[in-house]
Amino acid sequence: MNLPNHERESNQFTGIANVIGVMDRGGDVIAPGAFIDALAGFLDKGFIGLSHDWDALPIGMPDTAEERAGGLWVSGTFHSTRAAQAARVVVRERLE
Protein backbone atom coordinates (compact mmCIF):
# COMPACT_ATOMS: atom_id res chain seq x y z
CA MET A 1 0.00 0.00 0.00
CA ASN A 2 1.19 3.48 -0.76
CA LEU A 3 1.62 5.38 2.50
CA PRO A 4 1.71 9.20 2.36
CA ASN A 5 4.41 10.85 4.50
CA HIS A 6 2.02 11.64 7.38
CA GLU A 7 1.02 7.97 7.58
CA ARG A 8 4.53 6.49 7.56
CA GLU A 9 5.01 7.12 11.27
CA SER A 10 1.41 6.43 12.26
CA ASN A 11 -0.67 3.31 12.50
CA GLN A 12 -2.70 4.28 9.42
CA PHE A 13 -2.58 2.81 5.94
CA THR A 14 -4.33 3.45 2.64
CA GLY A 15 -4.26 1.77 -0.73
CA ILE A 16 -5.78 -0.65 -3.18
CA ALA A 17 -6.49 -3.92 -1.38
CA ASN A 18 -7.81 -5.80 -4.40
CA VAL A 19 -7.55 -4.88 -8.07
CA ILE A 20 -10.27 -5.14 -10.69
CA GLY A 21 -9.75 -6.96 -13.97
CA VAL A 22 -6.51 -8.76 -13.07
CA MET A 23 -6.25 -12.50 -12.38
CA ASP A 24 -5.21 -13.16 -8.78
CA ARG A 25 -3.24 -16.12 -7.39
CA GLY A 26 -6.43 -18.12 -7.04
CA GLY A 27 -7.32 -17.60 -10.70
CA ASP A 28 -10.13 -15.15 -9.96
CA VAL A 29 -10.72 -11.93 -11.88
CA ILE A 30 -12.75 -9.35 -9.94
CA ALA A 31 -15.40 -7.58 -12.02
CA PRO A 32 -16.44 -3.94 -11.55
CA GLY A 33 -19.20 -3.68 -8.95
CA ALA A 34 -18.14 -6.87 -7.15
CA PHE A 35 -17.54 -5.11 -3.83
CA ILE A 36 -20.65 -2.92 -3.68
CA ASP A 37 -22.87 -5.26 -1.65
CA ALA A 38 -20.07 -6.30 0.74
CA LEU A 39 -18.64 -2.92 1.76
CA ALA A 40 -20.97 -2.23 4.70
CA GLY A 41 -20.32 -5.67 6.21
CA PHE A 42 -16.58 -5.35 5.63
CA LEU A 43 -16.51 -2.03 7.47
CA ASP A 44 -18.73 -3.32 10.28
CA LYS A 45 -17.16 -6.73 10.93
CA GLY A 46 -14.21 -7.01 8.54
CA PHE A 47 -10.53 -7.23 9.28
CA ILE A 48 -7.18 -6.88 7.58
CA GLY A 49 -5.29 -10.17 7.62
CA LEU A 50 -1.66 -10.79 6.84
CA SER A 51 -1.30 -12.80 3.62
CA HIS A 52 -4.97 -13.88 3.75
CA ASP A 53 -4.26 -15.97 6.87
CA TRP A 54 -7.72 -16.39 8.39
CA ASP A 55 -6.34 -18.55 11.22
CA ALA A 56 -4.03 -15.83 12.59
CA LEU A 57 -5.04 -12.72 14.47
CA PRO A 58 -5.79 -9.79 12.14
CA ILE A 59 -3.18 -7.07 11.79
CA GLY A 60 -5.62 -4.22 11.25
CA MET A 61 -9.15 -2.99 10.84
CA PRO A 62 -10.69 -1.09 7.95
CA ASP A 63 -11.78 2.49 8.59
CA THR A 64 -13.10 3.28 5.10
CA ALA A 65 -13.54 1.24 1.93
CA GLU A 66 -14.86 2.03 -1.50
CA GLU A 67 -14.69 0.64 -4.99
CA ARG A 68 -12.72 2.88 -7.33
CA ALA A 69 -11.76 2.47 -10.97
CA GLY A 70 -8.63 0.47 -10.03
CA GLY A 71 -10.16 -1.73 -7.37
CA LEU A 72 -11.08 -1.88 -3.71
CA TRP A 73 -9.58 1.17 -1.98
CA VAL A 74 -9.18 0.79 1.80
CA SER A 75 -7.89 2.92 4.64
CA GLY A 76 -7.38 1.40 8.03
CA THR A 77 -5.53 1.20 11.29
CA PHE A 78 -2.92 -1.36 12.32
CA HIS A 79 -3.57 -3.13 15.62
CA SER A 80 -1.05 -2.68 18.46
CA THR A 81 -0.08 -6.36 18.55
CA ARG A 82 3.51 -7.39 17.88
CA ALA A 83 2.60 -9.04 14.54
CA ALA A 84 0.63 -6.01 13.36
CA GLN A 85 3.39 -3.59 14.27
CA ALA A 86 5.95 -5.82 12.55
CA ALA A 87 3.78 -5.74 9.41
CA ARG A 88 3.55 -1.94 9.69
CA VAL A 89 7.34 -1.68 9.82
CA VAL A 90 7.75 -3.97 6.81
CA VAL A 91 5.23 -1.93 4.79
CA ARG A 92 7.01 1.31 5.70
CA GLU A 93 10.47 -0.07 4.88
CA ARG A 94 9.40 -1.55 1.55
CA LEU A 95 7.77 1.72 0.49
CA GLU A 96 10.89 3.67 1.37
C-alpha atoms as a PDB file:
ATOM      1  CA  MET A   1       0.000   0.000   0.000  1.00  0.00           C
ATOM      2  CA  ASN A   2       1.189   3.481  -0.756  1.00  0.00           C
ATOM      3  CA  LEU A   3       1.616   5.383   2.503  1.00  0.00           C
ATOM      4  CA  PRO A   4       1.709   9.201   2.360  1.00  0.00           C
ATOM      5  CA  ASN A   5       4.410  10.849   4.505  1.00  0.00           C
ATOM      6  CA  HIS A   6       2.022  11.641   7.383  1.00  0.00           C
ATOM      7  CA  GLU A   7       1.023   7.966   7.581  1.00  0.00           C
ATOM      8  CA  ARG A   8       4.532   6.486   7.556  1.00  0.00           C
ATOM      9  CA  GLU A   9       5.009   7.119  11.271  1.00  0.00           C
ATOM     10  CA  SER A  10       1.412   6.426  12.264  1.00  0.00           C
ATOM     11  CA  ASN A  11      -0.674   3.315  12.499  1.00  0.00           C
ATOM     12  CA  GLN A  12      -2.700   4.281   9.424  1.00  0.00           C
ATOM     13  CA  PHE A  13      -2.577   2.812   5.943  1.00  0.00           C
ATOM     14  CA  THR A  14      -4.330   3.453   2.637  1.00  0.00           C
ATOM     15  CA  GLY A  15      -4.261   1.773  -0.732  1.00  0.00           C
ATOM     16  CA  ILE A  16      -5.778  -0.654  -3.180  1.00  0.00           C
ATOM     17  CA  ALA A  17      -6.490  -3.924  -1.375  1.00  0.00           C
ATOM     18  CA  ASN A  18      -7.812  -5.798  -4.401  1.00  0.00           C
ATOM     19  CA  VAL A  19      -7.554  -4.880  -8.069  1.00  0.00           C
ATOM     20  CA  ILE A  20     -10.275  -5.138 -10.695  1.00  0.00           C
ATOM     21  CA  GLY A  21      -9.752  -6.961 -13.974  1.00  0.00           C
ATOM     22  CA  VAL A  22      -6.511  -8.758 -13.073  1.00  0.00           C
ATOM     23  CA  MET A  23      -6.246 -12.503 -12.380  1.00  0.00           C
ATOM     24  CA  ASP A  24      -5.208 -13.159  -8.781  1.00  0.00           C
ATOM     25  CA  ARG A  25      -3.238 -16.122  -7.386  1.00  0.00           C
ATOM     26  CA  GLY A  26      -6.429 -18.124  -7.040  1.00  0.00           C
ATOM     27  CA  GLY A  27      -7.317 -17.604 -10.701  1.00  0.00           C
ATOM     28  CA  ASP A  28     -10.134 -15.154  -9.960  1.00  0.00           C
ATOM     29  CA  VAL A  29     -10.721 -11.926 -11.877  1.00  0.00           C
ATOM     30  CA  ILE A  30     -12.747  -9.351  -9.939  1.00  0.00           C
ATOM     31  CA  ALA A  31     -15.399  -7.577 -12.017  1.00  0.00           C
ATOM     32  CA  PRO A  32     -16.438  -3.935 -11.552  1.00  0.00           C
ATOM     33  CA  GLY A  33     -19.200  -3.683  -8.951  1.00  0.00           C
ATOM     34  CA  ALA A  34     -18.142  -6.868  -7.148  1.00  0.00           C
ATOM     35  CA  PHE A  35     -17.539  -5.111  -3.829  1.00  0.00           C
ATOM     36  CA  ILE A  36     -20.651  -2.919  -3.681  1.00  0.00           C
ATOM     37  CA  ASP A  37     -22.869  -5.265  -1.647  1.00  0.00           C
ATOM     38  CA  ALA A  38     -20.075  -6.298   0.745  1.00  0.00           C
ATOM     39  CA  LEU A  39     -18.644  -2.919   1.765  1.00  0.00           C
ATOM     40  CA  ALA A  40     -20.972  -2.231   4.699  1.00  0.00           C
ATOM     41  CA  GLY A  41     -20.321  -5.667   6.212  1.00  0.00           C
ATOM     42  CA  PHE A  42     -16.580  -5.352   5.630  1.00  0.00           C
ATOM     43  CA  LEU A  43     -16.513  -2.026   7.468  1.00  0.00           C
ATOM     44  CA  ASP A  44     -18.733  -3.320  10.275  1.00  0.00           C
ATOM     45  CA  LYS A  45     -17.155  -6.732  10.926  1.00  0.00           C
ATOM     46  CA  GLY A  46     -14.215  -7.014   8.539  1.00  0.00           C
ATOM     47  CA  PHE A  47     -10.532  -7.231   9.280  1.00  0.00           C
ATOM     48  CA  ILE A  48      -7.176  -6.878   7.582  1.00  0.00           C
ATOM     49  CA  GLY A  49      -5.291 -10.166   7.619  1.00  0.00           C
ATOM     50  CA  LEU A  50      -1.664 -10.789   6.835  1.00  0.00           C
ATOM     51  CA  SER A  51      -1.300 -12.802   3.622  1.00  0.00           C
ATOM     52  CA  HIS A  52      -4.966 -13.883   3.754  1.00  0.00           C
ATOM     53  CA  ASP A  53      -4.260 -15.965   6.874  1.00  0.00           C
ATOM     54  CA  TRP A  54      -7.721 -16.393   8.391  1.00  0.00           C
ATOM     55  CA  ASP A  55      -6.336 -18.547  11.221  1.00  0.00           C
ATOM     56  CA  ALA A  56      -4.032 -15.826  12.586  1.00  0.00           C
ATOM     57  CA  LEU A  57      -5.045 -12.722  14.469  1.00  0.00           C
ATOM     58  CA  PRO A  58      -5.792  -9.793  12.141  1.00  0.00           C
ATOM     59  CA  ILE A  59      -3.177  -7.071  11.787  1.00  0.00           C
ATOM     60  CA  GLY A  60      -5.625  -4.221  11.252  1.00  0.00           C
ATOM     61  CA  MET A  61      -9.152  -2.992  10.841  1.00  0.00           C
ATOM     62  CA  PRO A  62     -10.691  -1.093   7.947  1.00  0.00           C
ATOM     63  CA  ASP A  63     -11.777   2.492   8.587  1.00  0.00           C
ATOM     64  CA  THR A  64     -13.102   3.277   5.096  1.00  0.00           C
ATOM     65  CA  ALA A  65     -13.543   1.237   1.934  1.00  0.00           C
ATOM     66  CA  GLU A  66     -14.862   2.035  -1.504  1.00  0.00           C
ATOM     67  CA  GLU A  67     -14.686   0.641  -4.986  1.00  0.00           C
ATOM     68  CA  ARG A  68     -12.722   2.885  -7.327  1.00  0.00           C
ATOM     69  CA  ALA A  69     -11.757   2.467 -10.973  1.00  0.00           C
ATOM     70  CA  GLY A  70      -8.631   0.474 -10.028  1.00  0.00           C
ATOM     71  CA  GLY A  71     -10.165  -1.726  -7.370  1.00  0.00           C
ATOM     72  CA  LEU A  72     -11.082  -1.877  -3.706  1.00  0.00           C
ATOM     73  CA  TRP A  73      -9.581   1.172  -1.981  1.00  0.00           C
ATOM     74  CA  VAL A  74      -9.185   0.792   1.796  1.00  0.00           C
ATOM     75  CA  SER A  75      -7.891   2.921   4.639  1.00  0.00           C
ATOM     76  CA  GLY A  76      -7.377   1.402   8.030  1.00  0.00           C
ATOM     77  CA  THR A  77      -5.527   1.201  11.294  1.00  0.00           C
ATOM     78  CA  PHE A  78      -2.924  -1.357  12.322  1.00  0.00           C
ATOM     79  CA  HIS A  79      -3.567  -3.128  15.625  1.00  0.00           C
ATOM     80  CA  SER A  80      -1.055  -2.680  18.458  1.00  0.00           C
ATOM     81  CA  THR A  81      -0.081  -6.362  18.546  1.00  0.00           C
ATOM     82  CA  ARG A  82       3.511  -7.393  17.877  1.00  0.00           C
ATOM     83  CA  ALA A  83       2.604  -9.038  14.542  1.00  0.00           C
ATOM     84  CA  ALA A  84       0.625  -6.011  13.360  1.00  0.00           C
ATOM     85  CA  GLN A  85       3.391  -3.592  14.275  1.00  0.00           C
ATOM     86  CA  ALA A  86       5.948  -5.816  12.552  1.00  0.00           C
ATOM     87  CA  ALA A  87       3.779  -5.738   9.413  1.00  0.00           C
ATOM     88  CA  ARG A  88       3.548  -1.941   9.688  1.00  0.00           C
ATOM     89  CA  VAL A  89       7.344  -1.680   9.825  1.00  0.00           C
ATOM     90  CA  VAL A  90       7.747  -3.973   6.809  1.00  0.00           C
ATOM     91  CA  VAL A  91       5.225  -1.929   4.791  1.00  0.00           C
ATOM     92  CA  ARG A  92       7.008   1.309   5.703  1.00  0.00           C
ATOM     93  CA  GLU A  93      10.468  -0.066   4.885  1.00  0.00           C
ATOM     94  CA  ARG A  94       9.403  -1.552   1.547  1.00  0.00           C
ATOM     95  CA  LEU A  95       7.775   1.718   0.492  1.00  0.00           C
ATOM     96  CA  GLU A  96      10.886   3.671   1.374  1.00  0.00           C
END
